[in-house]
């Protein structure tokens, strides 16, 4: 991501600074600022599966769960209902 050189791409990391939450307290305000600045597509990445609840769904139009090959056993995901959350 550090190699992106485009004035229409803005990237910012926001630490959660506390456990059991997936988003920084400033994410909602940050999304509003980027919308006001005219960004067409805003992607918000959360801390990941099992790190918190689903508070991201209140801030976005569409939630997408991206699974990598090393995601672990499918039964573990089913236990925490993450397979059904993005639908």
Protein backbone atom coordinates (compact mmCIF):
# COMPACT_ATOMS: atom_id res chain seq x y z
CA UNK A 1 0.00 0.00 0.00
CA UNK A 2 2.92 2.34 0.58
CA UNK A 3 3.72 2.25 -3.15
CA UNK A 4 0.38 3.81 -4.18
CA UNK A 5 1.11 7.18 -5.74
CA UNK A 6 -2.22 8.75 -6.63
CA UNK A 7 -3.78 11.97 -5.35
CA UNK A 8 -7.23 10.29 -5.29
CA UNK A 9 -6.09 7.58 -2.89
CA UNK A 10 -5.90 8.33 0.81
CA UNK A 11 -4.95 5.73 3.39
CA UNK A 12 -4.89 6.13 7.15
CA UNK A 13 -4.45 3.66 9.98
CA UNK A 14 -6.54 4.25 13.08
CA UNK A 15 -5.61 2.18 16.13
CA UNK A 16 -8.42 0.85 18.29
CA UNK A 17 -6.40 1.46 21.46
CA UNK A 18 -8.62 -0.90 23.41
CA UNK A 19 -9.51 -4.54 23.29
CA UNK A 20 -12.81 -6.10 22.23
CA UNK A 21 -13.60 -3.53 19.56
CA UNK A 22 -12.98 -3.67 15.85
CA UNK A 23 -13.03 0.05 15.08
CA UNK A 24 -11.35 3.17 16.33
CA UNK A 25 -13.69 5.75 17.83
CA UNK A 26 -12.78 8.14 15.00
CA UNK A 27 -13.74 5.92 12.06
CA UNK A 28 -17.27 7.31 11.69
CA UNK A 29 -16.01 10.89 11.62
CA UNK A 30 -13.22 9.90 9.23
CA UNK A 31 -15.69 8.38 6.78
CA UNK A 32 -17.78 11.56 6.89
CA UNK A 33 -14.73 13.72 6.16
CA UNK A 34 -13.74 11.56 3.20
CA UNK A 35 -17.29 11.68 1.82
CA UNK A 36 -17.28 15.48 2.12
CA UNK A 37 -13.93 15.56 0.31
CA UNK A 38 -15.55 13.80 -2.64
CA UNK A 39 -14.09 10.30 -2.41
CA UNK A 40 -16.32 7.92 -4.37
CA UNK A 41 -15.19 4.67 -2.75
CA UNK A 42 -14.21 4.39 0.89
CA UNK A 43 -12.92 1.06 2.17
CA UNK A 44 -12.82 0.53 5.93
CA UNK A 45 -10.83 -2.45 7.15
CA UNK A 46 -11.59 -3.82 10.60
CA UNK A 47 -9.28 -5.55 13.03
CA UNK A 48 -10.51 -8.93 11.85
CA UNK A 49 -12.61 -11.86 12.75
CA UNK A 50 -13.04 -12.56 16.42
CA UNK A 51 -11.66 -9.17 17.49
CA UNK A 52 -14.97 -7.52 18.24
CA UNK A 53 -18.58 -7.31 17.28
CA UNK A 54 -20.12 -6.20 14.01
CA UNK A 55 -20.20 -2.43 14.60
CA UNK A 56 -18.84 -1.88 11.08
CA UNK A 57 -22.28 -2.63 9.58
CA UNK A 58 -23.61 0.63 11.05
CA UNK A 59 -21.04 2.67 9.09
CA UNK A 60 -21.06 1.07 5.65
CA UNK A 61 -23.38 0.42 2.74
CA UNK A 62 -21.91 -3.02 2.10
CA UNK A 63 -19.83 -5.32 4.28
CA UNK A 64 -17.52 -7.87 2.71
CA UNK A 65 -15.74 -10.69 4.47
CA UNK A 66 -12.43 -11.51 2.76
CA UNK A 67 -11.11 -14.94 3.61
CA UNK A 68 -7.49 -15.93 3.03
CA UNK A 69 -6.36 -19.53 2.42
CA UNK A 70 -4.94 -19.75 5.93
CA UNK A 71 -8.18 -18.63 7.64
CA UNK A 72 -8.43 -21.74 9.80
CA UNK A 73 -11.08 -24.39 10.23
CA UNK A 74 -14.54 -23.57 8.81
CA UNK A 75 -16.10 -24.88 12.02
CA UNK A 76 -14.37 -22.11 13.99
CA UNK A 77 -15.94 -19.45 11.77
CA UNK A 78 -19.37 -21.06 12.09
CA UNK A 79 -19.08 -20.98 15.87
CA UNK A 80 -18.81 -17.21 15.84
CA UNK A 81 -21.39 -16.69 13.07
CA UNK A 82 -18.98 -14.83 10.77
CA UNK A 83 -19.97 -16.83 7.70
CA UNK A 84 -23.48 -15.32 7.74
CA UNK A 85 -22.61 -11.77 8.84
CA UNK A 86 -21.70 -10.23 5.43
CA UNK A 87 -24.94 -11.33 3.76
